[in-house]
Structures are given as C-alpha cells and as structure tokens.
C-alpha atoms as a PDB file:
ATOM      1  CA  UNK A   1       0.000   0.000   0.000  1.00  0.00           C
ATOM      2  CA  UNK A   2       1.242   3.494  -0.843  1.00  0.00           C
ATOM      3  CA  UNK A   3       2.776   5.480   2.018  1.00  0.00           C
ATOM      4  CA  UNK A   4       0.288   8.320   1.583  1.00  0.00           C
ATOM      5  CA  UNK A   5      -2.683   5.955   1.937  1.00  0.00           C
ATOM      6  CA  UNK A   6      -1.102   4.188   4.922  1.00  0.00           C
ATOM      7  CA  UNK A   7      -0.500   7.523   6.672  1.00  0.00           C
ATOM      8  CA  UNK A   8      -4.106   8.582   6.086  1.00  0.00           C
ATOM      9  CA  UNK A   9      -5.490   5.262   7.344  1.00  0.00           C
ATOM     10  CA  UNK A  10      -3.257   5.379  10.420  1.00  0.00           C
ATOM     11  CA  UNK A  11      -4.538   8.840  11.370  1.00  0.00           C
ATOM     12  CA  UNK A  12      -8.119   7.735  10.637  1.00  0.00           C
ATOM     13  CA  UNK A  13      -7.757   4.709  12.923  1.00  0.00           C
ATOM     14  CA  UNK A  14      -6.293   6.883  15.700  1.00  0.00           C
ATOM     15  CA  UNK A  15      -9.292   9.221  15.415  1.00  0.00           C
ATOM     16  CA  UNK A  16     -11.661   6.257  15.577  1.00  0.00           C
ATOM     17  CA  UNK A  17      -9.927   4.892  18.687  1.00  0.00           C
ATOM     18  CA  UNK A  18     -10.170   8.276  20.404  1.00  0.00           C
ATOM     19  CA  UNK A  19     -13.880   8.572  19.620  1.00  0.00           C
ATOM     20  CA  UNK A  20     -14.564   4.997  20.732  1.00  0.00           C
ATOM     21  CA  UNK A  21     -12.694   5.481  24.003  1.00  0.00           C
ATOM     22  CA  UNK A  22     -14.765   8.586  24.685  1.00  0.00           C
ATOM     23  CA  UNK A  23     -18.008   6.773  23.852  1.00  0.00           C
ATOM     24  CA  UNK A  24     -17.149   3.734  25.994  1.00  0.00           C
ATOM     25  CA  UNK A  25     -16.517   5.940  29.035  1.00  0.00           C
ATOM     26  CA  UNK A  26     -20.211   6.853  29.074  1.00  0.00           C
ATOM     27  CA  UNK A  27     -22.111   4.609  31.576  1.00  0.00           C
ATOM     28  CA  UNK A  28     -24.855   3.669  29.107  1.00  0.00           C
ATOM     29  CA  UNK A  29     -22.437   2.850  26.276  1.00  0.00           C
ATOM     30  CA  UNK A  30     -23.338   0.105  23.797  1.00  0.00           C
ATOM     31  CA  UNK A  31     -21.465  -3.134  24.533  1.00  0.00           C
ATOM     32  CA  UNK A  32     -20.540  -3.542  20.837  1.00  0.00           C
ATOM     33  CA  UNK A  33     -18.267  -0.483  21.044  1.00  0.00           C
ATOM     34  CA  UNK A  34     -15.697  -2.501  22.995  1.00  0.00           C
ATOM     35  CA  UNK A  35     -15.512  -4.981  20.124  1.00  0.00           C
ATOM     36  CA  UNK A  36     -14.989  -2.171  17.626  1.00  0.00           C
ATOM     37  CA  UNK A  37     -12.208  -0.751  19.782  1.00  0.00           C
ATOM     38  CA  UNK A  38     -10.448  -4.137  19.760  1.00  0.00           C
ATOM     39  CA  UNK A  39     -10.646  -4.207  15.958  1.00  0.00           C
ATOM     40  CA  UNK A  40      -9.137  -0.725  15.727  1.00  0.00           C
ATOM     41  CA  UNK A  41      -6.333  -1.641  18.150  1.00  0.00           C
ATOM     42  CA  UNK A  42      -5.649  -4.810  16.159  1.00  0.00           C
ATOM     43  CA  UNK A  43      -5.397  -2.820  12.902  1.00  0.00           C
ATOM     44  CA  UNK A  44      -2.972  -0.356  14.505  1.00  0.00           C
ATOM     45  CA  UNK A  45      -0.814  -3.246  15.803  1.00  0.00           C
ATOM     46  CA  UNK A  46      -0.738  -4.714  12.269  1.00  0.00           C
ATOM     47  CA  UNK A  47       0.490  -1.370  10.965  1.00  0.00           C
ATOM     48  CA  UNK A  48       3.311  -1.427  13.517  1.00  0.00           C
ATOM     49  CA  UNK A  49       4.264  -4.975  12.398  1.00  0.00           C
ATOM     50  CA  UNK A  50       3.979  -4.083   8.690  1.00  0.00           C
ATOM     51  CA  UNK A  51       1.211  -6.618   8.026  1.00  0.00           C
ATOM     52  CA  UNK A  52      -1.736  -4.217   7.752  1.00  0.00           C
ATOM     53  CA  UNK A  53      -3.810  -4.527   4.600  1.00  0.00           C
ATOM     54  CA  UNK A  54      -3.003  -8.211   4.029  1.00  0.00           C
ATOM     55  CA  UNK A  55      -5.790 -10.756   3.683  1.00  0.00           C
ATOM     56  CA  UNK A  56      -5.847 -13.112   6.683  1.00  0.00           C
ATOM     57  CA  UNK A  57      -6.637 -16.053   4.380  1.00  0.00           C
ATOM     58  CA  UNK A  58      -4.245 -15.727   1.408  1.00  0.00           C
ATOM     59  CA  UNK A  59      -1.894 -13.026   2.774  1.00  0.00           C
ATOM     60  CA  UNK A  60      -2.268 -11.024  -0.443  1.00  0.00           C
ATOM     61  CA  UNK A  61      -3.052  -7.302  -0.403  1.00  0.00           C
ATOM     62  CA  UNK A  62      -6.641  -6.250   0.222  1.00  0.00           C
ATOM     63  CA  UNK A  63      -7.993  -3.902  -2.459  1.00  0.00           C
ATOM     64  CA  UNK A  64      -6.874  -0.311  -1.558  1.00  0.00           C
ATOM     65  CA  UNK A  65     -10.186   1.305  -2.498  1.00  0.00           C
ATOM     66  CA  UNK A  66     -12.013  -1.066  -0.138  1.00  0.00           C
ATOM     67  CA  UNK A  67      -9.610  -0.297   2.702  1.00  0.00           C
ATOM     68  CA  UNK A  68     -10.056   3.434   2.179  1.00  0.00           C
ATOM     69  CA  UNK A  69     -13.805   2.923   2.514  1.00  0.00           C
ATOM     70  CA  UNK A  70     -13.442   0.587   5.539  1.00  0.00           C
ATOM     71  CA  UNK A  71     -10.007   0.468   7.267  1.00  0.00           C
ATOM     72  CA  UNK A  72     -11.039  -2.545   9.388  1.00  0.00           C
ATOM     73  CA  UNK A  73     -11.359  -5.038   6.521  1.00  0.00           C
ATOM     74  CA  UNK A  74      -9.590  -8.368   7.074  1.00  0.00           C
ATOM     75  CA  UNK A  75     -10.188 -10.289   3.841  1.00  0.00           C
ATOM     76  CA  UNK A  76      -9.787  -9.605   0.120  1.00  0.00           C
ATOM     77  CA  UNK A  77     -12.735  -9.998  -2.250  1.00  0.00           C
ATOM     78  CA  UNK A  78     -11.672 -13.535  -3.249  1.00  0.00           C
ATOM     79  CA  UNK A  79     -12.038 -14.794   0.335  1.00  0.00           C
ATOM     80  CA  UNK A  80     -15.296 -13.224   1.424  1.00  0.00           C
ATOM     81  CA  UNK A  81     -18.060 -15.514   2.616  1.00  0.00           C
ATOM     82  CA  UNK A  82     -21.179 -15.897   0.470  1.00  0.00           C
ATOM     83  CA  UNK A  83     -23.096 -13.582   2.789  1.00  0.00           C
ATOM     84  CA  UNK A  84     -20.307 -10.987   2.661  1.00  0.00           C
ATOM     85  CA  UNK A  85     -20.216 -11.185  -1.135  1.00  0.00           C
ATOM     86  CA  UNK A  86     -23.965 -10.600  -1.352  1.00  0.00           C
ATOM     87  CA  UNK A  87     -23.657  -7.660   1.055  1.00  0.00           C
ATOM     88  CA  UNK A  88     -20.796  -6.172  -1.003  1.00  0.00           C
ATOM     89  CA  UNK A  89     -22.750  -6.589  -4.240  1.00  0.00           C
ATOM     90  CA  UNK A  90     -25.745  -4.903  -2.608  1.00  0.00           C
ATOM     91  CA  UNK A  91     -23.587  -2.010  -1.376  1.00  0.00           C
ATOM     92  CA  UNK A  92     -22.014  -1.560  -4.821  1.00  0.00           C
ATOM     93  CA  UNK A  93     -25.422  -1.617  -6.472  1.00  0.00           C
ATOM     94  CA  UNK A  94     -26.714   1.017  -4.059  1.00  0.00           C
ATOM     95  CA  UNK A  95     -23.567   3.142  -4.584  1.00  0.00           C
ATOM     96  CA  UNK A  96     -24.023   2.917  -8.355  1.00  0.00           C
ATOM     97  CA  UNK A  97     -27.658   4.063  -8.113  1.00  0.00           C
ATOM     98  CA  UNK A  98     -26.677   6.951  -5.856  1.00  0.00           C
ATOM     99  CA  UNK A  99     -23.880   7.988  -8.216  1.00  0.00           C
ATOM    100  CA  UNK A 100     -26.146   7.910 -11.266  1.00  0.00           C
ATOM    101  CA  UNK A 101     -28.716   9.899  -9.311  1.00  0.00           C
ATOM    102  CA  UNK A 102     -26.156  12.700  -9.030  1.00  0.00           C
ATOM    103  CA  UNK A 103     -25.867  13.032 -12.811  1.00  0.00           C
ATOM    104  CA  UNK A 104     -27.755  15.827 -14.598  1.00  0.00           C
ATOM    105  CA  UNK A 105     -30.511  15.172 -17.136  1.00  0.00           C
ATOM    106  CA  UNK A 106     -29.110  13.706 -20.344  1.00  0.00           C
ATOM    107  CA  UNK A 107     -31.140  16.168 -22.406  1.00  0.00           C
ATOM    108  CA  UNK A 108     -30.328  19.564 -20.935  1.00  0.00           C
ATOM    109  CA  UNK A 109     -31.244  23.044 -22.217  1.00  0.00           C
ATOM    110  CA  UNK A 110     -30.247  26.342 -20.626  1.00  0.00           C
ATOM    111  CA  UNK A 111     -29.214  29.879 -21.619  1.00  0.00           C
ATOM    112  CA  UNK A 112     -29.793  29.191 -25.324  1.00  0.00           C
ATOM    113  CA  UNK A 113     -27.706  26.027 -25.330  1.00  0.00           C
ATOM    114  CA  UNK A 114     -28.537  22.343 -25.756  1.00  0.00           C
ATOM    115  CA  UNK A 115     -26.295  19.824 -23.983  1.00  0.00           C
ATOM    116  CA  UNK A 116     -26.176  16.049 -24.149  1.00  0.00           C
ATOM    117  CA  UNK A 117     -23.681  13.595 -22.645  1.00  0.00           C
ATOM    118  CA  UNK A 118     -22.962   9.868 -22.414  1.00  0.00           C
ATOM    119  CA  UNK A 119     -21.770   8.483 -19.058  1.00  0.00           C
ATOM    120  CA  UNK A 120     -20.209   5.006 -19.032  1.00  0.00           C
ATOM    121  CA  UNK A 121     -17.928   4.218 -16.055  1.00  0.00           C
ATOM    122  CA  UNK A 122     -15.353   1.442 -16.330  1.00  0.00           C
ATOM    123  CA  UNK A 123     -16.664  -0.348 -13.234  1.00  0.00           C
ATOM    124  CA  UNK A 124     -19.885  -0.436 -11.247  1.00  0.00           C
ATOM    125  CA  UNK A 125     -18.857   2.871  -9.631  1.00  0.00           C
ATOM    126  CA  UNK A 126     -16.038   5.218 -10.575  1.00  0.00           C
ATOM    127  CA  UNK A 127     -14.511   8.645 -10.136  1.00  0.00           C
ATOM    128  CA  UNK A 128     -15.788  10.026 -13.451  1.00  0.00           C
ATOM    129  CA  UNK A 129     -17.427  13.398 -12.892  1.00  0.00           C
ATOM    130  CA  UNK A 130     -19.934  15.177 -15.111  1.00  0.00           C
ATOM    131  CA  UNK A 131     -22.392  17.958 -14.309  1.00  0.00           C
ATOM    132  CA  UNK A 132     -24.546  20.610 -15.980  1.00  0.00           C
ATOM    133  CA  UNK A 133     -25.816  23.425 -13.797  1.00  0.00           C
ATOM    134  CA  UNK A 134     -27.981  26.407 -14.719  1.00  0.00           C
ATOM    135  CA  UNK A 135     -27.424  29.452 -12.491  1.00  0.00           C
ATOM    136  CA  UNK A 136     -28.321  33.108 -13.112  1.00  0.00           C
ATOM    137  CA  UNK A 137     -29.174  32.486 -16.758  1.00  0.00           C
ATOM    138  CA  UNK A 138     -25.834  30.799 -17.481  1.00  0.00           C
ATOM    139  CA  UNK A 139     -25.034  27.170 -18.342  1.00  0.00           C
ATOM    140  CA  UNK A 140     -22.148  25.824 -16.251  1.00  0.00           C
ATOM    141  CA  UNK A 141     -20.609  22.553 -17.411  1.00  0.00           C
ATOM    142  CA  UNK A 142     -18.015  20.432 -15.609  1.00  0.00           C
ATOM    143  CA  UNK A 143     -16.265  17.265 -16.736  1.00  0.00           C
ATOM    144  CA  UNK A 144     -13.496  15.549 -14.819  1.00  0.00           C
ATOM    145  CA  UNK A 145     -11.942  12.473 -13.325  1.00  0.00           C
ATOM    146  CA  UNK A 146     -11.005  11.784  -9.696  1.00  0.00           C
ATOM    147  CA  UNK A 147      -7.714  10.004  -9.015  1.00  0.00           C
ATOM    148  CA  UNK A 148      -8.226   6.362  -8.076  1.00  0.00           C
ATOM    149  CA  UNK A 149     -11.008   3.917  -8.831  1.00  0.00           C
ATOM    150  CA  UNK A 150     -13.898   2.037  -7.308  1.00  0.00           C
ATOM    151  CA  UNK A 151     -15.797   2.999  -4.177  1.00  0.00           C
ATOM    152  CA  UNK A 152     -13.146   5.408  -2.844  1.00  0.00           C
ATOM    153  CA  UNK A 153     -13.087   7.365  -6.121  1.00  0.00           C
ATOM    154  CA  UNK A 154     -16.891   7.452  -6.271  1.00  0.00           C
ATOM    155  CA  UNK A 155     -16.986   8.940  -2.752  1.00  0.00           C
ATOM    156  CA  UNK A 156     -14.596  11.705  -3.874  1.00  0.00           C
ATOM    157  CA  UNK A 157     -16.713  12.263  -6.982  1.00  0.00           C
ATOM    158  CA  UNK A 158     -19.775  12.759  -4.757  1.00  0.00           C
ATOM    159  CA  UNK A 159     -17.786  15.203  -2.632  1.00  0.00           C
ATOM    160  CA  UNK A 160     -16.750  17.166  -5.739  1.00  0.00           C
ATOM    161  CA  UNK A 161     -20.360  17.215  -6.966  1.00  0.00           C
ATOM    162  CA  UNK A 162     -21.623  18.609  -3.647  1.00  0.00           C
ATOM    163  CA  UNK A 163     -18.825  21.194  -3.505  1.00  0.00           C
ATOM    164  CA  UNK A 164     -19.570  22.680  -6.919  1.00  0.00           C
ATOM    165  CA  UNK A 165     -23.333  22.545  -6.446  1.00  0.00           C
ATOM    166  CA  UNK A 166     -23.057  24.517  -3.208  1.00  0.00           C
ATOM    167  CA  UNK A 167     -20.644  27.083  -4.675  1.00  0.00           C
ATOM    168  CA  UNK A 168     -22.861  27.761  -7.700  1.00  0.00           C
ATOM    169  CA  UNK A 169     -25.201  29.724  -5.468  1.00  0.00           C
ATOM    170  CA  UNK A 170     -22.445  32.252  -4.776  1.00  0.00           C
ATOM    171  CA  UNK A 171     -21.740  34.963  -7.351  1.00  0.00           C
ATOM    172  CA  UNK A 172     -18.126  34.050  -8.175  1.00  0.00           C
ATOM    173  CA  UNK A 173     -16.116  34.419 -11.371  1.00  0.00           C
ATOM    174  CA  UNK A 174     -15.034  31.050 -12.868  1.00  0.00           C
ATOM    175  CA  UNK A 175     -11.438  31.296 -11.622  1.00  0.00           C
ATOM    176  CA  UNK A 176     -12.600  32.301  -8.123  1.00  0.00           C
ATOM    177  CA  UNK A 177     -15.107  29.445  -8.038  1.00  0.00           C
ATOM    178  CA  UNK A 178     -12.422  26.907  -8.949  1.00  0.00           C
ATOM    179  CA  UNK A 179     -10.040  28.329  -6.360  1.00  0.00           C
ATOM    180  CA  UNK A 180     -12.740  27.970  -3.686  1.00  0.00           C
ATOM    181  CA  UNK A 181     -13.554  24.405  -4.783  1.00  0.00           C
ATOM    182  CA  UNK A 182      -9.856  23.539  -4.812  1.00  0.00           C
ATOM    183  CA  UNK A 183      -9.419  24.838  -1.266  1.00  0.00           C
ATOM    184  CA  UNK A 184     -12.432  22.876   0.048  1.00  0.00           C
ATOM    185  CA  UNK A 185     -11.293  19.711  -1.752  1.00  0.00           C
ATOM    186  CA  UNK A 186      -7.739  20.023  -0.386  1.00  0.00           C
ATOM    187  CA  UNK A 187      -8.902  20.525   3.178  1.00  0.00           C
ATOM    188  CA  UNK A 188     -11.188  17.492   3.177  1.00  0.00           C
ATOM    189  CA  UNK A 189      -9.100  14.870   1.332  1.00  0.00           C
ATOM    190  CA  UNK A 190      -5.822  13.173   2.040  1.00  0.00           C
ATOM    191  CA  UNK A 191      -2.548  13.998   0.285  1.00  0.00           C
ATOM    192  CA  UNK A 192      -2.295  12.502  -3.188  1.00  0.00           C
ATOM    193  CA  UNK A 193      -6.022  12.661  -3.898  1.00  0.00           C
ATOM    194  CA  UNK A 194      -6.970  15.060  -6.657  1.00  0.00           C
ATOM    195  CA  UNK A 195      -9.359  15.589  -9.559  1.00  0.00           C
ATOM    196  CA  UNK A 196      -8.523  16.753 -13.080  1.00  0.00           C
ATOM    197  CA  UNK A 197     -11.418  18.683 -14.577  1.00  0.00           C
ATOM    198  CA  UNK A 198     -12.640  21.212 -17.111  1.00  0.00           C
ATOM    199  CA  UNK A 199     -15.112  23.885 -16.056  1.00  0.00           C
ATOM    200  CA  UNK A 200     -16.961  26.029 -18.597  1.00  0.00           C
ATOM    201  CA  UNK A 201     -19.569  28.749 -18.444  1.00  0.00           C
ATOM    202  CA  UNK A 202     -21.764  29.469 -21.479  1.00  0.00           C
ATOM    203  CA  UNK A 203     -24.289  32.278 -21.884  1.00  0.00           C
ATOM    204  CA  UNK A 204     -26.494  33.723 -24.638  1.00  0.00           C
ATOM    205  CA  UNK A 205     -25.159  37.247 -24.291  1.00  0.00           C
ATOM    206  CA  UNK A 206     -24.356  39.350 -27.341  1.00  0.00           C
ATOM    207  CA  UNK A 207     -20.911  39.674 -28.893  1.00  0.00           C
ATOM    208  CA  UNK A 208     -18.375  38.251 -29.065  1.00  0.00           C
ATOM    209  CA  UNK A 209     -19.880  35.359 -31.017  1.00  0.00           C
ATOM    210  CA  UNK A 210     -18.200  32.161 -29.960  1.00  0.00           C
ATOM    211  CA  UNK A 211     -18.552  28.481 -29.140  1.00  0.00           C
ATOM    212  CA  UNK A 212     -16.925  26.420 -26.385  1.00  0.00           C
ATOM    213  CA  UNK A 213     -13.286  25.663 -27.082  1.00  0.00           C
ATOM    214  CA  UNK A 214     -13.154  22.177 -25.713  1.00  0.00           C
ATOM    215  CA  UNK A 215     -14.672  19.816 -23.230  1.00  0.00           C
ATOM    216  CA  UNK A 216     -12.142  17.092 -22.686  1.00  0.00           C
ATOM    217  CA  UNK A 217     -14.525  14.292 -21.819  1.00  0.00           C
ATOM    218  CA  UNK A 218     -18.195  13.689 -22.450  1.00  0.00           C
ATOM    219  CA  UNK A 219     -20.319  16.804 -21.936  1.00  0.00           C
ATOM    220  CA  UNK A 220     -20.136  19.091 -24.989  1.00  0.00           C
ATOM    221  CA  UNK A 221     -22.712  21.912 -25.006  1.00  0.00           C
ATOM    222  CA  UNK A 222     -23.947  23.062 -28.424  1.00  0.00           C
ATOM    223  CA  UNK A 223     -25.672  26.291 -29.338  1.00  0.00           C
ATOM    224  CA  UNK A 224     -29.363  26.205 -30.244  1.00  0.00           C
ATOM    225  CA  UNK A 225     -30.086  27.028 -33.853  1.00  0.00           C
ATOM    226  CA  UNK A 226     -32.419  29.800 -32.668  1.00  0.00           C
ATOM    227  CA  UNK A 227     -29.719  31.602 -30.647  1.00  0.00           C
ATOM    228  CA  UNK A 228     -28.391  34.602 -32.533  1.00  0.00           C
ATOM    229  CA  UNK A 229     -25.184  34.822 -30.498  1.00  0.00           C
ATOM    230  CA  UNK A 230     -23.508  33.288 -27.484  1.00  0.00           C
ATOM    231  CA  UNK A 231     -20.299  33.302 -25.508  1.00  0.00           C
ATOM    232  CA  UNK A 232     -18.418  30.661 -23.566  1.00  0.00           C
ATOM    233  CA  UNK A 233     -15.445  30.527 -21.254  1.00  0.00           C
ATOM    234  CA  UNK A 234     -13.546  27.373 -20.374  1.00  0.00           C
ATOM    235  CA  UNK A 235     -11.097  26.766 -17.531  1.00  0.00           C
ATOM    236  CA  UNK A 236      -9.069  23.613 -17.054  1.00  0.00           C
ATOM    237  CA  UNK A 237      -6.795  22.306 -14.343  1.00  0.00           C
ATOM    238  CA  UNK A 238      -6.247  19.981 -11.410  1.00  0.00           C
ATOM    239  CA  UNK A 239      -8.286  20.304  -8.222  1.00  0.00           C
ATOM    240  CA  UNK A 240      -6.979  19.170  -4.870  1.00  0.00           C
ATOM    241  CA  UNK A 241      -3.256  18.990  -5.633  1.00  0.00           C
ATOM    242  CA  UNK A 242      -2.355  22.315  -3.994  1.00  0.00           C
ATOM    243  CA  UNK A 243      -4.223  24.464  -1.441  1.00  0.00           C
ATOM    244  CA  UNK A 244      -4.182  27.458  -3.795  1.00  0.00           C
ATOM    245  CA  UNK A 245      -3.408  27.808  -7.472  1.00  0.00           C
ATOM    246  CA  UNK A 246      -4.089  29.953 -10.512  1.00  0.00           C
ATOM    247  CA  UNK A 247      -6.367  28.800 -13.282  1.00  0.00           C
ATOM    248  CA  UNK A 248      -5.802  29.320 -17.001  1.00  0.00           C
ATOM    249  CA  UNK A 249      -8.641  30.214 -19.341  1.00  0.00           C
ATOM    250  CA  UNK A 250      -8.947  28.376 -22.641  1.00  0.00           C
ATOM    251  CA  UNK A 251      -9.350  30.909 -25.457  1.00  0.00           C
ATOM    252  CA  UNK A 252     -12.728  30.744 -27.185  1.00  0.00           C
ATOM    253  CA  UNK A 253     -12.784  30.300 -30.947  1.00  0.00           C
ATOM    254  CA  UNK A 254     -14.892  32.610 -33.093  1.00  0.00           C
ATOM    255  CA  UNK A 255     -18.033  31.105 -34.573  1.00  0.00           C
ATOM    256  CA  UNK A 256     -16.677  31.947 -38.045  1.00  0.00           C
ATOM    257  CA  UNK A 257     -13.160  30.565 -37.473  1.00  0.00           C
ATOM    258  CA  UNK A 258     -11.920  26.944 -37.626  1.00  0.00           C
ATOM    259  CA  UNK A 259     -12.455  24.942 -34.396  1.00  0.00           C
ATOM    260  CA  UNK A 260      -9.636  25.034 -31.863  1.00  0.00           C
ATOM    261  CA  UNK A 261      -7.415  21.963 -31.793  1.00  0.00           C
ATOM    262  CA  UNK A 262      -7.267  21.637 -28.016  1.00  0.00           C
ATOM    263  CA  UNK A 263      -7.702  23.703 -24.874  1.00  0.00           C
ATOM    264  CA  UNK A 264      -4.546  24.636 -22.962  1.00  0.00           C
ATOM    265  CA  UNK A 265      -4.391  23.206 -19.458  1.00  0.00           C
ATOM    266  CA  UNK A 266      -2.458  23.989 -16.344  1.00  0.00           C
END
C-alpha cells in the first residue's frame, strides 16, 4: 500500500480509537463499542508490524479502495463468505444508483444552449465526474476524473459534486469558483487525492460570437439554432493537488473561425 494511503489510514484509525474510548466511558455505552475498539487496536498493531492490509486467508493485499472505505477489513474480495459477497454486491449496487442519481438530465437546455452527454464508467462505480448546472441564466458545465477507482473514487466524486453545487449559489467568477472548490477539496481529502477537470460557463449574451473551445470528456454543449449569439469561457486544471493555485482560461474560438485543436491546461 502506498505510504500516503497508509498515513491517512493510520490517522483515521487513531481518530476512531479516540472517539470509541470517549463513547465507551459513558455509563450507558453500547457493549458492541468494545468490540470495535479491539478491531481498531488490532489494525494499529498490524500497521506497527507491517502486516496491515493483508488478507488473513491468502496473505495477499486487500484492495486499496475497499480499505479506504473501511479500514477494518480483514479479507480480500476472493475470500469473502457468500453472505459478505452478497452484502458487497448490494452495497455496490446502491452506490451505483446513488452515483447515477447525481448526474444531470441527459437532455439539458439552458441559456440558449442544448447539452447532451454519455456516461459510461469502467466499473460499477467510478470517479468520473460530469455535471450541468444552470445558475443566473448561465449554463455551467463540468467534466473531470477523480484520481483512483472504485468505491473510494466514487466517494470523492460525490464530494466534488456537492462542492460545486453549493458554490454555484455564490456569485463568483469562474477562476474564483475553482479556487474555492480547490481549497475545500484540499482541506477534506488526504494527500495525493486530486481531480482533473474542465469547467466552462456558457451564456447567450451578445458579442463576441463564440462556441466552447473544448470539453475534454463527455459533456459538450452546443448552441441552439435559434440563438443569434452566445459566448463561452472554459477553464481547465487539477483540483486538490495544492491548497491554492491559478487557473488558465482556454481561449474561445470565433463562430466563423476553424475549431480550436485543443484547450490549454495547467
């Protein structure tokens, strides 16, 4: 397991032990808390011995994304019981439905633009991020990918979705909005976790006449045939890698000029 992930899990287990010790000290504490505390102590001892994250049956590494979601796991997927497999499949199915519920409508119209996307994750759940948000008469579109895979990446994708949705209600310029999202993402994730994304804002305002430069993944807004003019701004970069950073705007191509080859990124 990577050092960054091990450090995060170690601090997470220490926090859990502290909370459990506080809860157990209460006279009416649930008896099951003592069992949880033993599991946490056992995981911390395994970290000290260098055996944490190894399946107790085959001694191979447990899947990192599963450990990030539950640091107390003791077996890899291949050695789960039938009941545990059914529970895992049920959890993954529920996670997939929740993740798809976060996606915008596939047929989306706002500010004189029509948008359509196709979302097809590699696994049951993933860190692929896509959103279309109308705010103050403007179409905001975001497409990105969270580092990692599986359940852990899908949890970060949900966090990114909630962050941008909450910030859209604040009147911020695109670069300011991304800086705020980057700061929130950095403060609530462990080192090494990040998301690469493109954020664009399209409106039906009068000149300059333009179309979006690029949308590096799946959501590509197109102007309605009835719109006489429109403008779009695109910003690209990596969220979560540094507490603060500057964002570069992708230049918008004129409606009468050849399409841009690709958008510059930071």
